[in-house]
Protein backbone atom coordinates (compact mmCIF):
# COMPACT_ATOMS: atom_id res chain seq x y z
CA UNK A 1 -3.92 -33.47 -2.26
CA UNK A 2 -4.19 -31.04 -5.60
CA UNK A 3 -0.69 -32.19 -7.07
CA UNK A 4 0.00 -28.80 -7.58
CA UNK A 5 0.02 -27.59 -4.15
CA UNK A 6 2.01 -30.12 -3.08
CA UNK A 7 4.64 -28.97 -5.97
CA UNK A 8 4.49 -25.54 -4.42
CA UNK A 9 4.99 -26.99 -1.15
CA UNK A 10 7.95 -29.45 -1.49
CA UNK A 11 9.24 -28.72 -4.80
CA UNK A 12 9.34 -24.81 -4.61
CA UNK A 13 8.92 -24.23 -0.93
CA UNK A 14 6.88 -20.90 -1.88
CA UNK A 15 5.19 -20.39 0.74
CA UNK A 16 3.43 -17.21 -0.07
CA UNK A 17 1.99 -18.61 -3.17
CA UNK A 18 0.27 -21.64 -0.92
CA UNK A 19 -1.35 -19.13 1.42
CA UNK A 20 -2.66 -17.05 -1.91
CA UNK A 21 -4.12 -20.44 -3.24
CA UNK A 22 -6.38 -20.26 -0.47
CA UNK A 23 -7.74 -17.21 -1.34
CA UNK A 24 -8.38 -17.68 -4.91
CA UNK A 25 -11.60 -19.62 -4.51
CA UNK A 26 -12.90 -16.64 -2.61
CA UNK A 27 -12.24 -14.42 -5.44
CA UNK A 28 -13.80 -17.49 -7.95
CA UNK A 29 -16.81 -16.66 -5.33
CA UNK A 30 -17.03 -13.43 -5.82
CA UNK A 31 -17.50 -12.88 -9.98
CA UNK A 32 -19.28 -16.16 -10.24
CA UNK A 33 -22.33 -15.73 -7.30
CA UNK A 34 -25.79 -14.92 -8.17
CA UNK A 35 -25.15 -11.15 -7.12
CA UNK A 36 -21.90 -9.48 -7.58
CA UNK A 37 -21.11 -7.22 -4.62
CA UNK A 38 -18.00 -5.02 -3.95
CA UNK A 39 -17.06 -6.25 -0.84
CA UNK A 40 -17.47 -9.74 -1.98
CA UNK A 41 -14.34 -8.65 -4.59
CA UNK A 42 -12.74 -6.21 -2.98
CA UNK A 43 -11.76 -8.33 0.29
CA UNK A 44 -10.05 -11.33 -1.54
CA UNK A 45 -8.51 -8.75 -3.98
CA UNK A 46 -6.95 -7.02 -1.28
CA UNK A 47 -5.84 -10.49 0.36
CA UNK A 48 -4.50 -11.80 -2.97
CA UNK A 49 -2.13 -8.44 -3.37
CA UNK A 50 -1.09 -8.81 0.30
CA UNK A 51 -0.21 -12.41 0.29
CA UNK A 52 2.13 -12.54 -3.13
CA UNK A 53 1.83 -10.37 -5.81
CA UNK A 54 2.43 -12.40 -8.89
CA UNK A 55 -0.90 -14.38 -7.80
CA UNK A 56 -2.64 -11.45 -7.14
CA UNK A 57 -1.80 -10.38 -11.17
CA UNK A 58 -3.01 -13.59 -12.47
CA UNK A 59 -6.24 -13.24 -10.27
CA UNK A 60 -7.04 -9.89 -11.33
CA UNK A 61 -6.51 -10.93 -14.57
CA UNK A 62 -8.91 -14.12 -14.24
CA UNK A 63 -11.30 -11.72 -12.49
CA UNK A 64 -11.79 -9.88 -15.41
CA UNK A 65 -11.92 -12.51 -18.19
CA UNK A 66 -14.61 -13.82 -15.66
CA UNK A 67 -16.51 -10.66 -15.26
CA UNK A 68 -16.55 -10.01 -19.00
CA UNK A 69 -17.78 -13.37 -19.28
CA UNK A 70 -20.76 -12.77 -16.94
CA UNK A 71 -21.64 -9.29 -18.25
CA UNK A 72 -21.91 -10.93 -22.25
CA UNK A 73 -24.47 -13.97 -20.48
CA UNK A 74 -26.22 -11.29 -18.41
CA UNK A 75 -27.00 -9.70 -22.10
CA UNK A 76 -28.32 -12.77 -23.34
CA UNK A 77 -30.40 -13.89 -20.48
CA UNK A 78 -34.12 -12.82 -21.13
CA UNK A 79 -35.32 -9.44 -19.29
CA UNK A 80 -37.28 -11.28 -16.86
CA UNK A 81 -35.65 -12.27 -13.47
CA UNK A 82 -33.66 -15.08 -13.20
CA UNK A 83 -34.68 -15.88 -9.39
CA UNK A 84 -37.38 -17.94 -8.46
CA UNK A 85 -40.87 -16.21 -8.04
CA UNK A 86 -41.90 -15.84 -4.34
CA UNK A 87 -44.89 -14.26 -2.65
CA UNK A 88 -44.06 -10.74 -1.32
CA UNK A 89 -44.86 -11.61 1.80
CA UNK A 90 -41.99 -14.06 1.67
CA UNK A 91 -39.08 -12.05 -0.26
CA UNK A 92 -35.92 -11.67 2.27
CA UNK A 93 -35.39 -8.11 4.26
CA UNK A 94 -33.16 -5.81 2.40
CA UNK A 95 -29.36 -6.72 2.91
CA UNK A 96 -30.39 -10.39 3.53
CA UNK A 97 -29.42 -13.03 0.97
CA UNK A 98 -32.07 -14.25 -0.89
CA UNK A 99 -33.65 -17.45 -1.66
CA UNK A 100 -32.64 -17.72 -5.19
CA UNK A 101 -29.52 -16.70 -4.78
CA UNK A 102 -28.50 -19.12 -2.60
CA UNK A 103 -30.32 -21.71 -4.62
CA UNK A 104 -28.15 -20.31 -7.80
CA UNK A 105 -25.15 -19.94 -6.26
CA UNK A 106 -25.28 -23.44 -5.20
CA UNK A 107 -26.32 -24.65 -8.17
CA UNK A 108 -24.38 -28.44 -7.15
CA UNK A 109 -26.09 -28.71 -3.98
CA UNK A 110 -27.12 -31.51 -2.32
CA UNK A 111 -30.42 -32.31 -3.45
CA UNK A 112 -31.55 -32.86 0.05
CA UNK A 113 -30.37 -28.75 0.78
CA UNK A 114 -32.43 -27.82 -2.55
CA UNK A 115 -35.52 -29.39 -1.12
CA UNK A 116 -34.98 -27.86 2.24
CA UNK A 117 -34.95 -24.44 0.43
CA UNK A 118 -38.03 -24.95 -1.86
CA UNK A 119 -39.83 -26.45 1.23
CA UNK A 120 -39.40 -23.52 3.10
CA UNK A 121 -40.36 -21.22 0.79
CA UNK A 122 -43.87 -23.32 0.19
CA UNK A 123 -44.30 -22.95 3.15
CA UNK A 124 -43.72 -19.54 3.95
CA UNK A 125 -45.90 -18.83 0.48
CA UNK A 126 -48.97 -20.79 1.90
CA UNK A 127 -49.50 -18.56 4.45
CA UNK A 128 -49.17 -15.32 2.63
CA UNK A 129 -52.45 -13.46 2.36
CA UNK A 130 -54.71 -13.61 -0.38
CA UNK A 131 -54.22 -10.75 -1.90
CA UNK A 132 -50.43 -11.25 -2.01
CA UNK A 133 -49.01 -11.17 -5.72
CA UNK A 134 -46.01 -13.24 -6.17
CA UNK A 135 -42.49 -10.99 -7.11
CA UNK A 136 -39.61 -12.46 -8.81
CA UNK A 137 -36.55 -12.09 -6.86
CA UNK A 138 -34.65 -9.06 -8.45
CA UNK A 139 -32.00 -9.53 -11.07
CA UNK A 140 -28.56 -7.60 -11.25
CA UNK A 141 -28.41 -5.81 -14.74
CA UNK A 142 -25.44 -5.92 -16.65
CA UNK A 143 -24.43 -2.17 -16.04
CA UNK A 144 -24.71 -2.82 -12.45
CA UNK A 145 -22.58 -6.18 -12.35
CA UNK A 146 -19.80 -4.65 -13.86
CA UNK A 147 -20.02 -1.39 -12.20
CA UNK A 148 -19.94 -3.60 -8.86
CA UNK A 149 -16.97 -5.97 -10.39
CA UNK A 150 -14.80 -2.70 -11.49
CA UNK A 151 -15.71 -0.82 -7.97
CA UNK A 152 -14.26 -3.82 -6.01
CA UNK A 153 -11.26 -4.26 -7.59
CA UNK A 154 -10.66 -0.94 -7.47
CA UNK A 155 -11.35 -1.08 -3.61
CA UNK A 156 -9.33 -3.87 -2.70
CA UNK A 157 -6.37 -2.29 -4.52
CA UNK A 158 -6.60 0.54 -2.23
CA UNK A 159 -7.07 -1.76 1.15
CA UNK A 160 -3.69 -2.86 -0.06
CA UNK A 161 -2.25 0.75 -0.84
CA UNK A 162 -0.20 0.69 2.42
CA UNK A 163 1.89 -2.09 0.69
CA UNK A 164 1.19 -1.65 -3.10
CA UNK A 165 1.75 1.70 -3.27
CA UNK A 166 5.21 1.60 -1.99
CA UNK A 167 6.20 -1.39 -3.93
CA UNK A 168 5.03 0.16 -7.46
CA UNK A 169 6.26 3.51 -6.75
CA UNK A 170 10.10 2.31 -5.43
CA UNK A 171 11.04 -0.09 -8.00
CA UNK A 172 12.68 2.73 -9.82
CA UNK A 173 15.34 2.27 -7.01
CA UNK A 174 16.05 -1.13 -7.93
CA UNK A 175 16.60 -3.73 -10.68
CA UNK A 176 13.57 -4.85 -11.15
CA UNK A 177 14.27 -6.33 -14.61
CA UNK A 178 16.90 -9.39 -13.10
CA UNK A 179 13.82 -10.71 -12.24
CA UNK A 180 13.51 -11.85 -15.50
CA UNK A 181 16.85 -13.03 -16.59
CA UNK A 182 17.25 -15.97 -18.36
CA UNK A 183 15.70 -19.55 -17.43
CA UNK A 184 13.27 -16.79 -15.39
CA UNK A 185 11.38 -15.71 -18.61
CA UNK A 186 7.83 -16.81 -19.84
CA UNK A 187 9.32 -17.69 -22.97
CA UNK A 188 11.47 -20.18 -21.14
CA UNK A 189 9.24 -21.83 -19.45
CA UNK A 190 6.35 -23.29 -21.41
CA UNK A 191 5.32 -26.76 -21.36
CA UNK A 192 8.18 -29.44 -21.78
CA UNK A 193 10.09 -26.48 -22.43
CA UNK A 194 13.81 -27.41 -22.69
CA UNK A 195 16.63 -24.64 -21.49
CA UNK A 196 19.71 -27.02 -21.49
CA UNK A 197 19.57 -26.65 -17.73
CA UNK A 198 19.00 -30.29 -16.55
CA UNK A 199 17.80 -28.76 -13.17
CA UNK A 200 15.86 -26.35 -14.43
CA UNK A 201 13.93 -28.63 -17.14
CA UNK A 202 13.19 -31.10 -14.73
CA UNK A 203 11.27 -28.91 -12.49
CA UNK A 204 9.68 -27.81 -15.84
CA UNK A 205 8.91 -31.36 -17.04
CA UNK A 206 6.85 -31.91 -13.41
CA UNK A 207 5.37 -28.90 -13.72
CA UNK A 208 4.12 -29.75 -17.20
CA UNK A 209 3.01 -33.05 -16.61
CA UNK A 210 0.77 -31.65 -13.46
CA UNK A 211 -0.80 -29.13 -15.56
CA UNK A 212 -1.58 -31.68 -18.19
CA UNK A 213 -3.43 -33.61 -15.47
CA UNK A 214 -5.42 -31.08 -14.15
CA UNK A 215 -6.19 -29.75 -17.77
CA UNK A 216 -7.68 -33.11 -18.32
CA UNK A 217 -9.44 -33.65 -14.73
CA UNK A 218 -11.08 -30.07 -15.30
CA UNK A 219 -12.31 -30.78 -18.78
CA UNK A 220 -13.66 -34.18 -17.72
CA UNK A 221 -15.26 -32.46 -15.13
CA UNK A 222 -17.06 -29.85 -17.19
CA UNK A 223 -17.88 -32.56 -20.08
CA UNK A 224 -19.50 -34.76 -17.28
CA UNK A 225 -21.40 -31.91 -15.81
CA UNK A 226 -22.52 -30.31 -19.01
CA UNK A 227 -23.87 -33.99 -20.65
CA UNK A 228 -25.56 -34.71 -16.59
CA UNK A 229 -28.87 -35.92 -17.99
CA UNK A 230 -32.23 -34.90 -17.13
CA UNK A 231 -30.94 -32.21 -15.23
CA UNK A 232 -33.74 -29.71 -15.05
CA UNK A 233 -36.41 -32.61 -15.02
CA UNK A 234 -34.70 -34.36 -12.43
CA UNK A 235 -34.84 -31.13 -10.14
CA UNK A 236 -38.78 -30.61 -11.01
CA UNK A 237 -39.13 -34.27 -10.23
CA UNK A 238 -37.44 -33.59 -6.76
CA UNK A 239 -39.17 -30.81 -5.44
CA UNK A 240 -42.83 -32.17 -6.74
CA UNK A 241 -41.71 -35.67 -4.46
CA UNK A 242 -40.47 -33.31 -1.62
CA UNK A 243 -43.09 -30.70 -1.56
CA UNK A 244 -46.28 -32.63 -2.28
CA UNK A 245 -46.89 -33.67 1.81
CA UNK A 246 -46.19 -30.07 2.58
CA UNK A 247 -48.88 -28.28 0.30
CA UNK A 248 -51.02 -31.22 1.04
CA UNK A 249 -50.56 -30.17 4.63
CA UNK A 250 -51.18 -26.65 4.04
CA UNK A 251 -54.33 -27.11 1.30
CA UNK A 252 -55.89 -28.84 4.74
CA UNK A 253 -55.50 -25.30 6.38
CA UNK A 254 -55.45 -22.73 3.86
CA UNK A 255 -57.79 -21.93 1.10
CA UNK A 256 -55.91 -22.76 -2.05
CA UNK A 257 -56.49 -18.71 -3.19
CA UNK A 258 -53.66 -18.29 -0.16
CA UNK A 259 -50.75 -20.16 -1.75
CA UNK A 260 -48.27 -19.87 -4.61
CA UNK A 261 -48.78 -21.38 -7.94
CA UNK A 262 -47.06 -24.43 -7.85
CA UNK A 263 -45.28 -23.87 -11.13
CA UNK A 264 -44.05 -20.81 -9.16
CA UNK A 265 -42.11 -22.97 -6.69
CA UNK A 266 -41.15 -26.06 -8.76
CA UNK A 267 -39.84 -24.72 -11.90
CA UNK A 268 -37.26 -22.15 -11.17
CA UNK A 269 -36.78 -19.76 -14.67
CA UNK A 270 -33.52 -20.08 -16.14
CA UNK A 271 -31.99 -23.03 -13.89
CA UNK A 272 -30.61 -24.84 -17.10
CA UNK A 273 -29.06 -21.26 -18.46
CA UNK A 274 -27.62 -20.41 -15.17
CA UNK A 275 -25.85 -23.63 -15.03
CA UNK A 276 -24.67 -23.82 -18.14
CA UNK A 277 -23.22 -20.23 -18.42
CA UNK A 278 -21.13 -21.52 -14.86
CA UNK A 279 -20.15 -24.44 -16.86
CA UNK A 280 -19.38 -22.06 -19.95
CA UNK A 281 -17.42 -19.42 -17.38
CA UNK A 282 -15.04 -22.62 -16.42
CA UNK A 283 -15.12 -24.01 -19.44
CA UNK A 284 -13.87 -20.61 -20.97
CA UNK A 285 -10.87 -19.56 -18.35
CA UNK A 286 -9.51 -23.33 -18.44
CA UNK A 287 -9.21 -23.17 -22.31
CA UNK A 288 -7.39 -19.47 -21.58
CA UNK A 289 -5.21 -21.03 -19.20
CA UNK A 290 -4.44 -24.14 -21.49
CA UNK A 291 -3.56 -21.35 -24.30
CA UNK A 292 -1.17 -18.95 -21.82
CA UNK A 293 0.49 -22.22 -20.91
CA UNK A 294 1.77 -22.46 -24.75
CA UNK A 295 4.21 -20.35 -27.10
CA UNK A 296 1.03 -19.52 -28.93
CA UNK A 297 0.37 -16.26 -26.36
CA UNK A 298 4.14 -15.02 -26.62
CA UNK A 299 3.12 -11.72 -27.28
CA UNK A 300 0.11 -11.52 -24.46
CA UNK A 301 3.07 -12.54 -21.94
CA UNK A 302 5.39 -10.02 -22.92
CA UNK A 303 2.70 -6.86 -23.48
CA UNK A 304 0.33 -7.44 -21.20
CA UNK A 305 0.92 -5.19 -17.87
CA UNK A 306 3.13 -7.14 -15.33
CA UNK A 307 2.59 -10.26 -16.93
CA UNK A 308 5.72 -10.85 -17.63
CA UNK A 309 6.66 -10.90 -14.21
CA UNK A 310 4.90 -14.18 -13.48
CA UNK A 311 7.92 -15.54 -14.75
CA UNK A 312 6.29 -19.19 -14.99
CA UNK A 313 3.26 -19.49 -17.03
CA UNK A 314 2.62 -23.06 -14.74
CA UNK A 315 1.42 -20.12 -11.99
CA UNK A 316 -1.71 -19.98 -13.45
CA UNK A 317 -2.39 -23.79 -12.27
CA UNK A 318 -3.47 -22.28 -8.79
CA UNK A 319 -6.38 -20.85 -10.49
CA UNK A 320 -6.94 -23.40 -12.71
CA UNK A 321 -6.89 -25.79 -9.46
CA UNK A 322 -9.74 -24.00 -7.86
CA UNK A 323 -11.49 -24.33 -11.37
CA UNK A 324 -11.11 -28.21 -11.16
CA UNK A 325 -12.51 -28.29 -7.57
CA UNK A 326 -15.79 -26.38 -8.75
CA UNK A 327 -16.18 -28.33 -11.81
CA UNK A 328 -15.83 -31.36 -10.05
CA UNK A 329 -18.02 -30.60 -7.38
CA UNK A 330 -20.66 -30.29 -9.88
CA UNK A 331 -19.93 -33.28 -11.68
CA UNK A 332 -20.37 -35.82 -8.79
CA UNK A 333 -23.45 -33.87 -7.38
CA UNK A 334 -25.31 -36.58 -9.37
CA UNK A 335 -24.15 -39.17 -6.68
CA UNK A 336 -26.02 -37.77 -4.40
CA UNK A 337 -23.34 -38.13 -1.21
CA UNK A 338 -24.85 -37.85 2.29
CA UNK A 339 -22.32 -35.95 4.20
CA UNK A 340 -21.02 -38.75 6.54
CA UNK A 341 -20.20 -40.65 3.22
CA UNK A 342 -18.53 -38.02 0.94
CA UNK A 343 -16.55 -37.18 4.39
CA UNK A 344 -15.29 -40.63 5.17
CA UNK A 345 -14.49 -40.88 1.18
CA UNK A 346 -12.34 -37.65 1.40
CA UNK A 347 -10.36 -38.85 4.49
CA UNK A 348 -10.06 -42.44 2.77
CA UNK A 349 -8.97 -40.82 -0.16
CA UNK A 350 -6.60 -38.33 1.46
CA UNK A 351 -5.20 -41.01 3.52
CA UNK A 352 -4.63 -43.47 0.13
CA UNK A 353 -2.61 -40.39 -1.82
CA UNK A 354 -0.26 -39.20 1.04
CA UNK A 355 2.33 -41.73 0.95
CA UNK A 356 2.59 -41.99 -2.90
CA UNK A 357 2.19 -37.65 -2.90
CA UNK A 358 5.28 -37.51 -0.37
CA UNK A 359 7.36 -39.79 -1.81
CA UNK A 360 6.98 -38.03 -5.02
CA UNK A 361 7.26 -34.72 -4.16
CA UNK A 362 9.38 -34.63 -0.80
CA UNK A 363 13.17 -33.95 -0.99
CA UNK A 364 15.79 -33.84 1.72
CA UNK A 365 17.36 -30.46 3.01
CA UNK A 366 20.38 -29.05 2.10
CA UNK A 367 22.76 -28.84 4.72
CA UNK A 368 23.40 -25.16 4.51
CA UNK A 369 19.65 -24.60 4.84
CA UNK A 370 18.79 -26.48 7.95
CA UNK A 371 17.31 -24.63 10.89
CA UNK A 372 20.87 -24.79 12.76
CA UNK A 373 22.98 -23.55 9.67
CA UNK A 374 19.88 -20.76 8.90
CA UNK A 375 20.44 -20.17 12.78
CA UNK A 376 24.03 -19.67 12.89
CA UNK A 377 24.25 -17.32 9.85
CA UNK A 378 21.67 -15.21 11.58
CA UNK A 379 24.05 -14.27 14.52
CA UNK A 380 27.08 -13.91 12.29
CA UNK A 381 26.02 -10.90 10.90
CA UNK A 382 27.04 -12.00 7.31
CA UNK A 383 23.67 -11.37 6.41
CA UNK A 384 21.98 -13.89 3.42
CA UNK A 385 22.55 -13.60 -0.34
CA UNK A 386 21.38 -10.82 -2.19
CA UNK A 387 18.82 -11.31 -4.37
CA UNK A 388 19.50 -9.69 -7.93
CA UNK A 389 15.78 -7.94 -8.53
CA UNK A 390 16.18 -6.08 -5.37
CA UNK A 391 19.95 -4.72 -5.74
CA UNK A 392 20.40 -0.89 -6.01
CA UNK A 393 20.23 0.47 -9.51
CA UNK A 394 23.77 1.32 -9.81
CA UNK A 395 25.31 -1.34 -7.75
CA UNK A 396 26.69 -4.84 -8.90
CA UNK A 397 26.26 -7.97 -6.51
CA UNK A 398 29.60 -9.24 -7.51
CA UNK A 399 31.20 -6.59 -6.25
CA UNK A 400 29.87 -7.28 -2.69
CA UNK A 401 31.75 -8.64 -0.07
CA UNK A 402 29.95 -10.17 2.35
CA UNK A 403 32.74 -10.06 5.15
CA UNK A 404 32.70 -6.33 5.53
CA UNK A 405 32.69 -4.76 8.74
CA UNK A 406 30.04 -2.36 9.29
CA UNK A 407 32.02 1.05 8.65
CA UNK A 408 35.35 2.42 7.43
CA UNK A 409 36.80 5.33 6.34
CA UNK A 410 38.34 6.09 3.08
CA UNK A 411 39.68 8.85 0.79
CA UNK A 412 38.55 6.95 -1.73
CA UNK A 413 34.47 6.31 -1.67
CA UNK A 414 35.13 3.27 -4.09
CA UNK A 415 37.64 1.78 -1.66
CA UNK A 416 36.88 -2.00 -0.27
CA UNK A 417 37.43 -2.42 3.25
CA UNK A 418 41.18 -2.24 4.81
CA UNK A 419 40.73 -5.58 6.56
CA UNK A 420 38.36 -8.32 6.44
CA UNK A 421 36.59 -8.77 9.67
CA UNK A 422 33.88 -10.45 11.47
CA UNK A 423 30.88 -7.93 10.35
CA UNK A 424 28.84 -6.42 13.36
CA UNK A 425 26.07 -4.37 13.42
CA UNK A 426 26.50 -0.17 13.01
CA UNK A 427 26.52 1.52 16.11
CA UNK A 428 24.18 4.16 16.17
CA UNK A 429 24.74 7.13 16.90
CA UNK A 430 28.29 6.36 15.01
CA UNK A 431 30.82 8.85 16.92
CA UNK A 432 34.32 9.70 14.67
CA UNK A 433 36.91 12.28 14.72
CA UNK A 434 38.72 11.92 11.50
CA UNK A 435 41.72 14.26 11.06
CA UNK A 436 41.32 14.89 7.72
CA UNK A 437 37.89 14.80 4.82
CA UNK A 438 37.19 11.22 4.18
CA UNK A 439 33.90 9.26 2.93
CA UNK A 440 32.29 7.08 5.72
CA UNK A 441 31.07 3.58 4.19
CA UNK A 442 28.31 1.69 5.72
CA UNK A 443 27.96 -1.90 5.14
CA UNK A 444 24.35 -0.79 4.19
CA UNK A 445 22.87 -0.85 0.59
CA UNK A 446 22.22 2.95 -1.05
CA UNK A 447 18.13 2.93 -0.32
CA UNK A 448 16.83 6.38 -0.33
CA UNK A 449 14.88 5.70 2.90
CA UNK A 450 17.90 5.89 4.74
CA UNK A 451 17.93 8.93 7.00
CA UNK A 452 21.74 9.94 7.55
CA UNK A 453 22.36 13.18 9.54
CA UNK A 454 26.02 14.24 10.82
CA UNK A 455 25.84 16.51 14.08
CA UNK A 456 22.38 16.89 13.52
CA UNK A 457 22.39 17.87 9.89
CA UNK A 458 20.80 15.72 7.42
CA UNK A 459 23.27 14.46 4.85
CA UNK A 460 21.77 15.09 1.13
CA UNK A 461 25.37 14.05 -0.79
CA UNK A 462 26.15 10.48 -1.19
CA UNK A 463 28.79 8.65 -3.23
CA UNK A 464 28.31 6.13 -5.87
CA UNK A 465 30.02 2.90 -5.20
CA UNK A 466 29.97 -0.30 -7.26
CA UNK A 467 29.00 -2.79 -4.69
CA UNK A 468 26.14 0.02 -3.93
CA UNK A 469 26.78 0.15 -0.56
CA UNK A 470 26.34 3.96 0.90
CA UNK A 471 29.09 6.28 0.49
CA UNK A 472 29.09 9.90 2.34
CA UNK A 473 31.74 12.58 2.59
CA UNK A 474 32.01 13.70 5.99
CA UNK A 475 34.71 16.61 7.00
CA UNK A 476 37.84 16.76 9.34
CA UNK A 477 36.92 17.04 13.45
CA UNK A 478 34.43 15.36 15.83
CA UNK A 479 31.19 14.22 14.08
CA UNK A 480 28.07 12.59 15.31
CA UNK A 481 26.65 10.27 12.68
CA UNK A 482 22.50 9.21 13.28
CA UNK A 483 21.48 6.33 11.11
CA UNK A 484 17.39 5.86 11.05
CA UNK A 485 15.45 4.00 8.09
CA UNK A 486 12.68 6.76 7.62
CA UNK A 487 9.10 6.31 6.35
CA UNK A 488 8.98 8.10 2.77
CA UNK A 489 5.98 10.15 1.16
CA UNK A 490 4.90 6.93 -0.98
CA UNK A 491 4.36 5.00 2.26
CA UNK A 492 2.53 7.51 4.27
CA UNK A 493 0.04 8.26 0.91
CA UNK A 494 -0.06 4.53 1.14
CA UNK A 495 -1.46 4.42 4.56
CA UNK A 496 -3.44 7.20 3.96
CA UNK A 497 -5.42 5.35 0.76
CA UNK A 498 -5.63 2.44 3.36
CA UNK A 499 -7.22 3.70 5.96
CA UNK A 500 -9.66 5.58 3.76
CA UNK A 501 -10.57 2.22 1.66
CA UNK A 502 -10.87 0.19 5.29
CA UNK A 503 -13.62 3.43 5.87
CA UNK A 504 -14.95 2.91 2.75
CA UNK A 505 -15.35 -1.12 2.65
CA UNK A 506 -17.36 -0.60 6.33
CA UNK A 507 -19.46 1.75 4.65
CA UNK A 508 -20.20 -0.26 2.20
CA UNK A 509 -20.63 -3.48 4.13
CA UNK A 510 -23.73 -1.68 6.08
CA UNK A 511 -25.41 -0.38 3.06
CA UNK A 512 -25.00 -4.32 1.18
CA UNK A 513 -27.93 -3.83 0.00
CA UNK A 514 -27.62 -1.35 -2.24
CA UNK A 515 -24.49 -2.49 -3.47
């Protein structure tokens, strides 16, 4: 039902971004949870880079911002543990999530869930030996948090290296800067900007309205949750009421000396501080996104690494949508909805919003974009229109003719095809017998990975053409031309890094109690 998701699906049909939006909450959970671990950071980072590069860029910046907030807030915490004090006998085994972690990572959980966990703590504590000393759940130091965040990000990048390394290295072969031409630049896409292009401005206006709506809803949810009255006292009251029967029952069976103090179970240390830190993190993230949607941050967009290639600042709404969902979840916990009621309400709300959302965002398909038309184009071998940013560095797409044959010979390496024919795939190997030395011109864009041999010998010389097609000189006489798309060194290196990273991840998962 999120309007930005509908905008992405129907207005832009940006399905890679739509899928990436599903992984953003995993990344937010990884950095906002009580215990930041390397695998929890690495896995969503890798998934984002393998799904959509712009989404990965902005998500990594959001990760860095939230990590800094966590580190600073951890520095401000008292030196004692922020977890729940439990008897030693009831502490979880190494590698298992602690009870305190479960509670603090879900501060908005229904009261019944919190109550169940606290009852479990009470029962375990009631059966503890008399000599068992209460021990606080371990807290993560700022240094450990920072190291885990950095290591997790690095491991995530390494997991995606089989794609990421070639994508970064091979940009030198193409006109990547064409991705940020006028109307595709950051400065042309701030909220409610006007470029004079009616179609562009209409799409930007819709995105701007959605941004204002999401910002308002997120702010309202954060303020509501922050001002929620008597959070701590209500929590204590719920635990007192719920634990009384359990404790009375335990008192009949065990001596009072074998039970933890009520305060150890009923009053979790720093509960209010942790909740406010979470809300502060969401508030700062929301404020940062709001600023980045305005021209005030132009210098940052133009100079921070890779940010300019986001093209549209409102892409950040994918992150804001996840933050808004979390803020709303925290705000509505005061309603104490039962699972059945919340499920019914969710389905009813989705059904009520389906038609207006469909009417607002749905667009008819252009005739040339129907499945039938695209299938016919595929079988014609004409290919699709070239994308400017993936054009070879020295090529001009305006010089490229879509009716070129698979190959032709000419004494002029820049010659156009002698006849306009129906395109067809180039046969390989290609057998030629020119009477004089000529250039073989292939209807393939000149990328370095093409490996071409003549009678078994690798051809290393290529002539330059305006349209970026491959032109190679061949001698007179018989020639057997073999054409293959080879694996380059950067691809091999990326594969090796990803393999090693995967092995590291598996080892880390086995030692997750240490990380």
